[in-house]
Amino acid sequence: MEVAGLTAARKTPPENYDTVITWTKKQATQLIDNEAGRCLLADYAEFVFLGLFVFEMLFKMYGLGAHLYFQSSFNIFDCVVCSLAERLSSVL
């Protein structure tokens, strides 16, 4: 069952992706053109990725439980790296 006019007005996914990619390239180019923009972009990227890694670590710790989480050497390494990165980003 089709609602009149709704399907004709929708863009197809490739057109949407093209629009988003073009806009992102334009914004990134404008930010990178000046030194302050480069600094702002790097700071924003650092904040986003560090937040994602810390969220992943805490989510995994909640799911596994602290005791089981710290039995894996990779998880201990991940926790140490996230903690050091957080401390270094607050100092610098």
PDB file of N, CA and C in Angstrom:
ATOM      1  N   MET A   1       0.834  -1.164   0.000  1.00  0.00           N
ATOM      2  CA  MET A   1       0.000   0.000   0.000  1.00  0.00           C
ATOM      3  C   MET A   1       0.889   1.241   0.000  1.00  0.00           C
ATOM      4  N   GLU A   2       0.686   2.135  -0.947  1.00  0.00           N
ATOM      5  CA  GLU A   2       1.489   3.332  -1.083  1.00  0.00           C
ATOM      6  C   GLU A   2       0.706   4.561  -0.695  1.00  0.00           C
ATOM      7  N   VAL A   3       1.350   5.437   0.012  1.00  0.00           N
ATOM      8  CA  VAL A   3       0.739   6.710   0.331  1.00  0.00           C
ATOM      9  C   VAL A   3       1.063   7.652  -0.829  1.00  0.00           C
ATOM     10  N   ALA A   4       0.064   8.303  -1.343  1.00  0.00           N
ATOM     11  CA  ALA A   4       0.242   9.132  -2.538  1.00  0.00           C
ATOM     12  C   ALA A   4       1.262  10.232  -2.303  1.00  0.00           C
ATOM     13  N   GLY A   5       2.259  10.308  -3.158  1.00  0.00           N
ATOM     14  CA  GLY A   5       3.237  11.376  -3.133  1.00  0.00           C
ATOM     15  C   GLY A   5       4.446  11.136  -2.250  1.00  0.00           C
ATOM     16  N   LEU A   6       4.373  10.227  -1.296  1.00  0.00           N
ATOM     17  CA  LEU A   6       5.507  10.030  -0.396  1.00  0.00           C
ATOM     18  C   LEU A   6       6.668   9.316  -1.065  1.00  0.00           C
ATOM     19  N   THR A   7       6.386   8.292  -1.829  1.00  0.00           N
ATOM     20  CA  THR A   7       7.481   7.557  -2.449  1.00  0.00           C
ATOM     21  C   THR A   7       8.114   8.354  -3.574  1.00  0.00           C
ATOM     22  N   ALA A   8       7.371   9.184  -4.243  1.00  0.00           N
ATOM     23  CA  ALA A   8       7.931   9.969  -5.337  1.00  0.00           C
ATOM     24  C   ALA A   8       8.822  11.090  -4.807  1.00  0.00           C
ATOM     25  N   ALA A   9       8.562  11.571  -3.624  1.00  0.00           N
ATOM     26  CA  ALA A   9       9.318  12.694  -3.077  1.00  0.00           C
ATOM     27  C   ALA A   9      10.626  12.259  -2.428  1.00  0.00           C
ATOM     28  N   ARG A  10      10.756  10.989  -2.086  1.00  0.00           N
ATOM     29  CA  ARG A  10      11.973  10.507  -1.434  1.00  0.00           C
ATOM     30  C   ARG A  10      13.138  10.487  -2.400  1.00  0.00           C
ATOM     31  N   LYS A  11      14.311  10.813  -1.898  1.00  0.00           N
ATOM     32  CA  LYS A  11      15.517  10.663  -2.706  1.00  0.00           C
ATOM     33  C   LYS A  11      16.003   9.230  -2.573  1.00  0.00           C
ATOM     34  N   THR A  12      16.689   8.767  -3.562  1.00  0.00           N
ATOM     35  CA  THR A  12      17.270   7.432  -3.470  1.00  0.00           C
ATOM     36  C   THR A  12      18.520   7.511  -2.608  1.00  0.00           C
ATOM     37  N   PRO A  13      18.915   6.428  -1.971  1.00  0.00           N
ATOM     38  CA  PRO A  13      20.085   6.462  -1.084  1.00  0.00           C
ATOM     39  C   PRO A  13      21.374   6.980  -1.727  1.00  0.00           C
ATOM     40  N   PRO A  14      21.718   6.617  -2.967  1.00  0.00           N
ATOM     41  CA  PRO A  14      22.959   7.164  -3.521  1.00  0.00           C
ATOM     42  C   PRO A  14      22.966   8.688  -3.614  1.00  0.00           C
ATOM     43  N   GLU A  15      21.837   9.304  -3.885  1.00  0.00           N
ATOM     44  CA  GLU A  15      21.777  10.767  -3.927  1.00  0.00           C
ATOM     45  C   GLU A  15      21.996  11.344  -2.523  1.00  0.00           C
ATOM     46  N   ASN A  16      21.436  10.701  -1.520  1.00  0.00           N
ATOM     47  CA  ASN A  16      21.636  11.167  -0.141  1.00  0.00           C
ATOM     48  C   ASN A  16      23.101  11.053   0.264  1.00  0.00           C
ATOM     49  N   TYR A  17      23.730   9.931  -0.057  1.00  0.00           N
ATOM     50  CA  TYR A  17      25.132   9.736   0.293  1.00  0.00           C
ATOM     51  C   TYR A  17      26.006  10.761  -0.413  1.00  0.00           C
ATOM     52  N   ASP A  18      25.719  11.028  -1.662  1.00  0.00           N
ATOM     53  CA  ASP A  18      26.494  11.996  -2.429  1.00  0.00           C
ATOM     54  C   ASP A  18      26.385  13.377  -1.795  1.00  0.00           C
ATOM     55  N   THR A  19      25.203  13.751  -1.368  1.00  0.00           N
ATOM     56  CA  THR A  19      25.001  15.049  -0.729  1.00  0.00           C
ATOM     57  C   THR A  19      25.782  15.140   0.575  1.00  0.00           C
ATOM     58  N   VAL A  20      25.725  14.106   1.391  1.00  0.00           N
ATOM     59  CA  VAL A  20      26.429  14.103   2.679  1.00  0.00           C
ATOM     60  C   VAL A  20      27.940  14.139   2.461  1.00  0.00           C
ATOM     61  N   ILE A  21      28.439  13.358   1.518  1.00  0.00           N
ATOM     62  CA  ILE A  21      29.878  13.321   1.251  1.00  0.00           C
ATOM     63  C   ILE A  21      30.357  14.670   0.728  1.00  0.00           C
ATOM     64  N   THR A  22      29.596  15.277  -0.171  1.00  0.00           N
ATOM     65  CA  THR A  22      29.978  16.581  -0.711  1.00  0.00           C
ATOM     66  C   THR A  22      30.006  17.637   0.392  1.00  0.00           C
ATOM     67  N   TRP A  23      29.009  17.660   1.243  1.00  0.00           N
ATOM     68  CA  TRP A  23      28.956  18.633   2.331  1.00  0.00           C
ATOM     69  C   TRP A  23      30.121  18.426   3.293  1.00  0.00           C
ATOM     70  N   THR A  24      30.428  17.155   3.616  1.00  0.00           N
ATOM     71  CA  THR A  24      31.524  16.856   4.540  1.00  0.00           C
ATOM     72  C   THR A  24      32.856  17.308   3.963  1.00  0.00           C
ATOM     73  N   LYS A  25      33.074  17.048   2.668  1.00  0.00           N
ATOM     74  CA  LYS A  25      34.320  17.487   2.024  1.00  0.00           C
ATOM     75  C   LYS A  25      34.447  19.003   2.063  1.00  0.00           C
ATOM     76  N   LYS A  26      33.351  19.691   1.805  1.00  0.00           N
ATOM     77  CA  LYS A  26      33.365  21.151   1.814  1.00  0.00           C
ATOM     78  C   LYS A  26      33.705  21.684   3.198  1.00  0.00           C
ATOM     79  N   GLN A  27      33.075  21.126   4.234  1.00  0.00           N
ATOM     80  CA  GLN A  27      33.321  21.594   5.595  1.00  0.00           C
ATOM     81  C   GLN A  27      34.751  21.284   6.038  1.00  0.00           C
ATOM     82  N   ALA A  28      35.238  20.091   5.705  1.00  0.00           N
ATOM     83  CA  ALA A  28      36.607  19.720   6.084  1.00  0.00           C
ATOM     84  C   ALA A  28      37.622  20.606   5.374  1.00  0.00           C
ATOM     85  N   THR A  29      37.384  20.914   4.114  1.00  0.00           N
ATOM     86  CA  THR A  29      38.286  21.788   3.366  1.00  0.00           C
ATOM     87  C   THR A  29      38.324  23.178   3.975  1.00  0.00           C
ATOM     88  N   GLN A  30      37.184  23.692   4.373  1.00  0.00           N
ATOM     89  CA  GLN A  30      37.151  25.016   4.989  1.00  0.00           C
ATOM     90  C   GLN A  30      37.871  25.016   6.333  1.00  0.00           C
ATOM     91  N   LEU A  31      37.749  23.951   7.098  1.00  0.00           N
ATOM     92  CA  LEU A  31      38.428  23.887   8.391  1.00  0.00           C
ATOM     93  C   LEU A  31      39.936  23.756   8.238  1.00  0.00           C
ATOM     94  N   ILE A  32      40.372  22.967   7.247  1.00  0.00           N
ATOM     95  CA  ILE A  32      41.791  22.682   7.093  1.00  0.00           C
ATOM     96  C   ILE A  32      42.518  23.839   6.414  1.00  0.00           C
ATOM     97  N   ASP A  33      41.806  24.734   5.747  1.00  0.00           N
ATOM     98  CA  ASP A  33      42.444  25.837   5.036  1.00  0.00           C
ATOM     99  C   ASP A  33      43.213  26.779   5.958  1.00  0.00           C
ATOM    100  N   ASN A  34      42.812  26.912   7.188  1.00  0.00           N
ATOM    101  CA  ASN A  34      43.547  27.785   8.101  1.00  0.00           C
ATOM    102  C   ASN A  34      44.099  26.982   9.271  1.00  0.00           C
ATOM    103  N   GLU A  35      45.126  27.540   9.899  1.00  0.00           N
ATOM    104  CA  GLU A  35      45.811  26.836  10.993  1.00  0.00           C
ATOM    105  C   GLU A  35      44.893  26.607  12.192  1.00  0.00           C
ATOM    106  N   ALA A  36      44.061  27.578  12.515  1.00  0.00           N
ATOM    107  CA  ALA A  36      43.147  27.426  13.647  1.00  0.00           C
ATOM    108  C   ALA A  36      42.149  26.310  13.380  1.00  0.00           C
ATOM    109  N   GLY A  37      41.725  26.172  12.133  1.00  0.00           N
ATOM    110  CA  GLY A  37      40.800  25.095  11.775  1.00  0.00           C
ATOM    111  C   GLY A  37      41.428  23.734  11.931  1.00  0.00           C
ATOM    112  N   ARG A  38      42.707  23.629  11.562  1.00  0.00           N
ATOM    113  CA  ARG A  38      43.402  22.359  11.724  1.00  0.00           C
ATOM    114  C   ARG A  38      43.479  21.978  13.190  1.00  0.00           C
ATOM    115  N   CYS A  39      43.770  22.943  14.017  1.00  0.00           N
ATOM    116  CA  CYS A  39      43.845  22.705  15.458  1.00  0.00           C
ATOM    117  C   CYS A  39      42.475  22.302  16.001  1.00  0.00           C
ATOM    118  N   LEU A  40      41.454  23.008  15.575  1.00  0.00           N
ATOM    119  CA  LEU A  40      40.094  22.712  16.025  1.00  0.00           C
ATOM    120  C   LEU A  40      39.663  21.320  15.589  1.00  0.00           C
ATOM    121  N   LEU A  41      39.963  20.960  14.343  1.00  0.00           N
ATOM    122  CA  LEU A  41      39.588  19.644  13.825  1.00  0.00           C
ATOM    123  C   LEU A  41      40.322  18.539  14.583  1.00  0.00           C
ATOM    124  N   ALA A  42      41.608  18.727  14.860  1.00  0.00           N
ATOM    125  CA  ALA A  42      42.384  17.728  15.595  1.00  0.00           C
ATOM    126  C   ALA A  42      41.877  17.577  17.022  1.00  0.00           C
ATOM    127  N   ASP A  43      41.560  18.696  17.661  1.00  0.00           N
ATOM    128  CA  ASP A  43      41.044  18.633  19.034  1.00  0.00           C
ATOM    129  C   ASP A  43      39.694  17.936  19.083  1.00  0.00           C
ATOM    130  N   TYR A  44      38.844  18.240  18.118  1.00  0.00           N
ATOM    131  CA  TYR A  44      37.521  17.617  18.059  1.00  0.00           C
ATOM    132  C   TYR A  44      37.642  16.118  17.805  1.00  0.00           C
ATOM    133  N   ALA A  45      38.514  15.725  16.863  1.00  0.00           N
ATOM    134  CA  ALA A  45      38.700  14.303  16.559  1.00  0.00           C
ATOM    135  C   ALA A  45      39.254  13.562  17.776  1.00  0.00           C
ATOM    136  N   GLU A  46      40.201  14.177  18.480  1.00  0.00           N
ATOM    137  CA  GLU A  46      40.759  13.554  19.677  1.00  0.00           C
ATOM    138  C   GLU A  46      39.682  13.351  20.732  1.00  0.00           C
ATOM    139  N   PHE A  47      38.858  14.354  20.939  1.00  0.00           N
ATOM    140  CA  PHE A  47      37.781  14.274  21.915  1.00  0.00           C
ATOM    141  C   PHE A  47      36.791  13.169  21.554  1.00  0.00           C
ATOM    142  N   VAL A  48      36.401  13.086  20.287  1.00  0.00           N
ATOM    143  CA  VAL A  48      35.416  12.094  19.847  1.00  0.00           C
ATOM    144  C   VAL A  48      35.968  10.683  19.980  1.00  0.00           C
ATOM    145  N   PHE A  49      37.185  10.444  19.465  1.00  0.00           N
ATOM    146  CA  PHE A  49      37.728   9.090  19.500  1.00  0.00           C
ATOM    147  C   PHE A  49      38.063   8.635  20.920  1.00  0.00           C
ATOM    148  N   LEU A  50      38.590   9.527  21.729  1.00  0.00           N
ATOM    149  CA  LEU A  50      38.869   9.162  23.110  1.00  0.00           C
ATOM    150  C   LEU A  50      37.576   8.836  23.844  1.00  0.00           C
ATOM    151  N   GLY A  51      36.538   9.619  23.591  1.00  0.00           N
ATOM    152  CA  GLY A  51      35.233   9.336  24.193  1.00  0.00           C
ATOM    153  C   GLY A  51      34.683   7.984  23.769  1.00  0.00           C
ATOM    154  N   LEU A  52      34.842   7.648  22.485  1.00  0.00           N
ATOM    155  CA  LEU A  52      34.364   6.351  22.001  1.00  0.00           C
ATOM    156  C   LEU A  52      35.128   5.198  22.650  1.00  0.00           C
ATOM    157  N   PHE A  53      36.447   5.345  22.769  1.00  0.00           N
ATOM    158  CA  PHE A  53      37.237   4.271  23.377  1.00  0.00           C
ATOM    159  C   PHE A  53      36.912   4.092  24.858  1.00  0.00           C
ATOM    160  N   VAL A  54      36.727   5.194  25.563  1.00  0.00           N
ATOM    161  CA  VAL A  54      36.383   5.099  26.989  1.00  0.00           C
ATOM    162  C   VAL A  54      34.990   4.490  27.142  1.00  0.00           C
ATOM    163  N   PHE A  55      34.043   4.904  26.295  1.00  0.00           N
ATOM    164  CA  PHE A  55      32.700   4.322  26.342  1.00  0.00           C
ATOM    165  C   PHE A  55      32.751   2.822  26.072  1.00  0.00           C
ATOM    166  N   GLU A  56      33.551   2.413  25.094  1.00  0.00           N
ATOM    167  CA  GLU A  56      33.681   0.985  24.780  1.00  0.00           C
ATOM    168  C   GLU A  56      34.253   0.221  25.963  1.00  0.00           C
ATOM    169  N   MET A  57      35.265   0.800  26.613  1.00  0.00           N
ATOM    170  CA  MET A  57      35.883   0.146  27.762  1.00  0.00           C
ATOM    171  C   MET A  57      34.884   0.011  28.917  1.00  0.00           C
ATOM    172  N   LEU A  58      34.159   1.084  29.209  1.00  0.00           N
ATOM    173  CA  LEU A  58      33.187   1.042  30.307  1.00  0.00           C
ATOM    174  C   LEU A  58      32.017   0.122  29.995  1.00  0.00           C
ATOM    175  N   PHE A  59      31.571   0.116  28.745  1.00  0.00           N
ATOM    176  CA  PHE A  59      30.471  -0.757  28.336  1.00  0.00           C
ATOM    177  C   PHE A  59      30.871  -2.218  28.465  1.00  0.00           C
ATOM    178  N   LYS A  60      32.107  -2.523  28.050  1.00  0.00           N
ATOM    179  CA  LYS A  60      32.591  -3.900  28.166  1.00  0.00           C
ATOM    180  C   LYS A  60      32.775  -4.291  29.629  1.00  0.00           C
ATOM    181  N   MET A  61      33.245  -3.343  30.441  1.00  0.00           N
ATOM    182  CA  MET A  61      33.416  -3.608  31.861  1.00  0.00           C
ATOM    183  C   MET A  61      32.070  -3.858  32.536  1.00  0.00           C
ATOM    184  N   TYR A  62      31.054  -3.099  32.135  1.00  0.00           N
ATOM    185  CA  TYR A  62      29.711  -3.300  32.686  1.00  0.00           C
ATOM    186  C   TYR A  62      29.149  -4.656  32.252  1.00  0.00           C
ATOM    187  N   GLY A  63      29.356  -5.012  30.991  1.00  0.00           N
ATOM    188  CA  GLY A  63      28.805  -6.264  30.475  1.00  0.00           C
ATOM    189  C   GLY A  63      29.476  -7.496  31.062  1.00  0.00           C
ATOM    190  N   LEU A  64      30.787  -7.448  31.189  1.00  0.00           N
ATOM    191  CA  LEU A  64      31.514  -8.609  31.699  1.00  0.00           C
ATOM    192  C   LEU A  64      31.598  -8.630  33.220  1.00  0.00           C
ATOM    193  N   GLY A  65      31.518  -7.476  33.826  1.00  0.00           N
ATOM    194  CA  GLY A  65      31.779  -7.376  35.263  1.00  0.00           C
ATOM    195  C   GLY A  65      33.255  -7.078  35.451  1.00  0.00           C
ATOM    196  N   ALA A  66      33.575  -6.354  36.484  1.00  0.00           N
ATOM    197  CA  ALA A  66      34.959  -5.903  36.684  1.00  0.00           C
ATOM    198  C   ALA A  66      35.922  -7.076  36.857  1.00  0.00           C
ATOM    199  N   HIS A  67      35.507  -8.099  37.590  1.00  0.00           N
ATOM    200  CA  HIS A  67      36.407  -9.231  37.841  1.00  0.00           C
ATOM    201  C   HIS A  67      36.751  -9.954  36.543  1.00  0.00           C
ATOM    202  N   LEU A  68      35.762 -10.270  35.735  1.00  0.00           N
ATOM    203  CA  LEU A  68      36.005 -10.973  34.474  1.00  0.00           C
ATOM    204  C   LEU A  68      36.710 -10.070  33.463  1.00  0.00           C
ATOM    205  N   TYR A  69      36.408  -8.778  33.493  1.00  0.00           N
ATOM    206  CA  TYR A  69      37.036  -7.833  32.554  1.00  0.00           C
ATOM    207  C   TYR A  69      38.550  -7.797  32.754  1.00  0.00           C
ATOM    208  N   PHE A  70      38.999  -7.744  33.999  1.00  0.00           N
ATOM    209  CA  PHE A  70      40.421  -7.612  34.273  1.00  0.00           C
ATOM    210  C   PHE A  70      41.172  -8.941  34.250  1.00  0.00           C
ATOM    211  N   GLN A  71      40.528 -10.037  33.892  1.00  0.00           N
ATOM    212  CA  GLN A  71      41.230 -11.309  33.711  1.00  0.00           C
ATOM    213  C   GLN A  71      41.914 -11.385  32.355  1.00  0.00           C
ATOM    214  N   SER A  72      41.468 -10.587  31.401  1.00  0.00           N
ATOM    215  CA  SER A  72      42.056 -10.585  30.062  1.00  0.00           C
ATOM    216  C   SER A  72      43.179  -9.553  29.998  1.00  0.00           C
ATOM    217  N   SER A  73      44.344  -9.963  29.482  1.00  0.00           N
ATOM    218  CA  SER A  73      45.474  -9.029  29.403  1.00  0.00           C
ATOM    219  C   SER A  73      45.202  -7.915  28.385  1.00  0.00           C
ATOM    220  N   PHE A  74      44.451  -8.193  27.335  1.00  0.00           N
ATOM    221  CA  PHE A  74      44.118  -7.148  26.371  1.00  0.00           C
ATOM    222  C   PHE A  74      43.243  -6.073  27.011  1.00  0.00           C
ATOM    223  N   ASN A  75      42.290  -6.492  27.840  1.00  0.00           N
ATOM    224  CA  ASN A  75      41.429  -5.525  28.509  1.00  0.00           C
ATOM    225  C   ASN A  75      42.210  -4.663  29.505  1.00  0.00           C
ATOM    226  N   ILE A  76      43.181  -5.256  30.178  1.00  0.00           N
ATOM    227  CA  ILE A  76      44.033  -4.483  31.088  1.00  0.00           C
ATOM    228  C   ILE A  76      44.824  -3.451  30.289  1.00  0.00           C
ATOM    229  N   PHE A  77      45.398  -3.889  29.158  1.00  0.00           N
ATOM    230  CA  PHE A  77      46.136  -2.978  28.291  1.00  0.00           C
ATOM    231  C   PHE A  77      45.230  -1.852  27.797  1.00  0.00           C
ATOM    232  N   ASP A  78      44.022  -2.193  27.378  1.00  0.00           N
ATOM    233  CA  ASP A  78      43.052  -1.204  26.894  1.00  0.00           C
ATOM    234  C   ASP A  78      42.729  -0.185  27.987  1.00  0.00           C
ATOM    235  N   CYS A  79      42.546  -0.655  29.196  1.00  0.00           N
ATOM    236  CA  CYS A  79      42.233   0.219  30.327  1.00  0.00           C
ATOM    237  C   CYS A  79      43.398   1.155  30.622  1.00  0.00           C
ATOM    238  N   VAL A  80      44.604   0.651  30.593  1.00  0.00           N
ATOM    239  CA  VAL A  80      45.790   1.475  30.860  1.00  0.00           C
ATOM    240  C   VAL A  80      45.952   2.534  29.769  1.00  0.00           C
ATOM    241  N   VAL A  81      45.806   2.142  28.520  1.00  0.00           N
ATOM    242  CA  VAL A  81      45.958   3.083  27.410  1.00  0.00           C
ATOM    243  C   VAL A  81      44.883   4.168  27.473  1.00  0.00           C
ATOM    244  N   CYS A  82      43.636   3.787  27.720  1.00  0.00           N
ATOM    245  CA  CYS A  82      42.560   4.779  27.818  1.00  0.00           C
ATOM    246  C   CYS A  82      42.788   5.731  28.986  1.00  0.00           C
ATOM    247  N   SER A  83      43.244   5.206  30.101  1.00  0.00           N
ATOM    248  CA  SER A  83      43.487   6.051  31.275  1.00  0.00           C
ATOM    249  C   SER A  83      44.636   7.017  31.024  1.00  0.00           C
ATOM    250  N   LEU A  84      45.721   6.527  30.425  1.00  0.00           N
ATOM    251  CA  LEU A  84      46.851   7.404  30.129  1.00  0.00           C
ATOM    252  C   LEU A  84      46.482   8.462  29.089  1.00  0.00           C
ATOM    253  N   ALA A  85      45.736   8.063  28.077  1.00  0.00           N
ATOM    254  CA  ALA A  85      45.333   9.014  27.035  1.00  0.00           C
ATOM    255  C   ALA A  85      44.431  10.090  27.619  1.00  0.00           C
ATOM    256  N   GLU A  86      43.555   9.708  28.518  1.00  0.00           N
ATOM    257  CA  GLU A  86      42.661  10.677  29.164  1.00  0.00           C
ATOM    258  C   GLU A  86      43.464  11.661  30.000  1.00  0.00           C
ATOM    259  N   ARG A  87      44.435  11.139  30.755  1.00  0.00           N
ATOM    260  CA  ARG A  87      45.247  12.016  31.597  1.00  0.00           C
ATOM    261  C   ARG A  87      46.117  12.948  30.761  1.00  0.00           C
ATOM    262  N   LEU A  88      46.715  12.411  29.680  1.00  0.00           N
ATOM    263  CA  LEU A  88      47.561  13.233  28.825  1.00  0.00           C
ATOM    264  C   LEU A  88      46.762  14.294  28.085  1.00  0.00           C
ATOM    265  N   SER A  89      45.547  13.959  27.672  1.00  0.00           N
ATOM    266  CA  SER A  89      44.748  14.952  26.959  1.00  0.00           C
ATOM    267  C   SER A  89      44.298  16.083  27.886  1.00  0.00           C
ATOM    268  N   SER A  90      44.116  15.788  29.161  1.00  0.00           N
ATOM    269  CA  SER A  90      43.730  16.845  30.097  1.00  0.00           C
ATOM    270  C   SER A  90      44.930  17.728  30.461  1.00  0.00           C
ATOM    271  N   VAL A  91      46.131  17.168  30.428  1.00  0.00           N
ATOM    272  CA  VAL A  91      47.334  17.941  30.750  1.00  0.00           C
ATOM    273  C   VAL A  91      47.727  18.835  29.587  1.00  0.00           C
ATOM    274  N   LEU A  92      47.684  18.273  28.384  1.00  0.00           N
ATOM    275  CA  LEU A  92      48.101  19.045  27.209  1.00  0.00           C
ATOM    276  C   LEU A  92      46.970  19.884  26.777  1.00  0.00           C
TER     277      LEU A  92
END
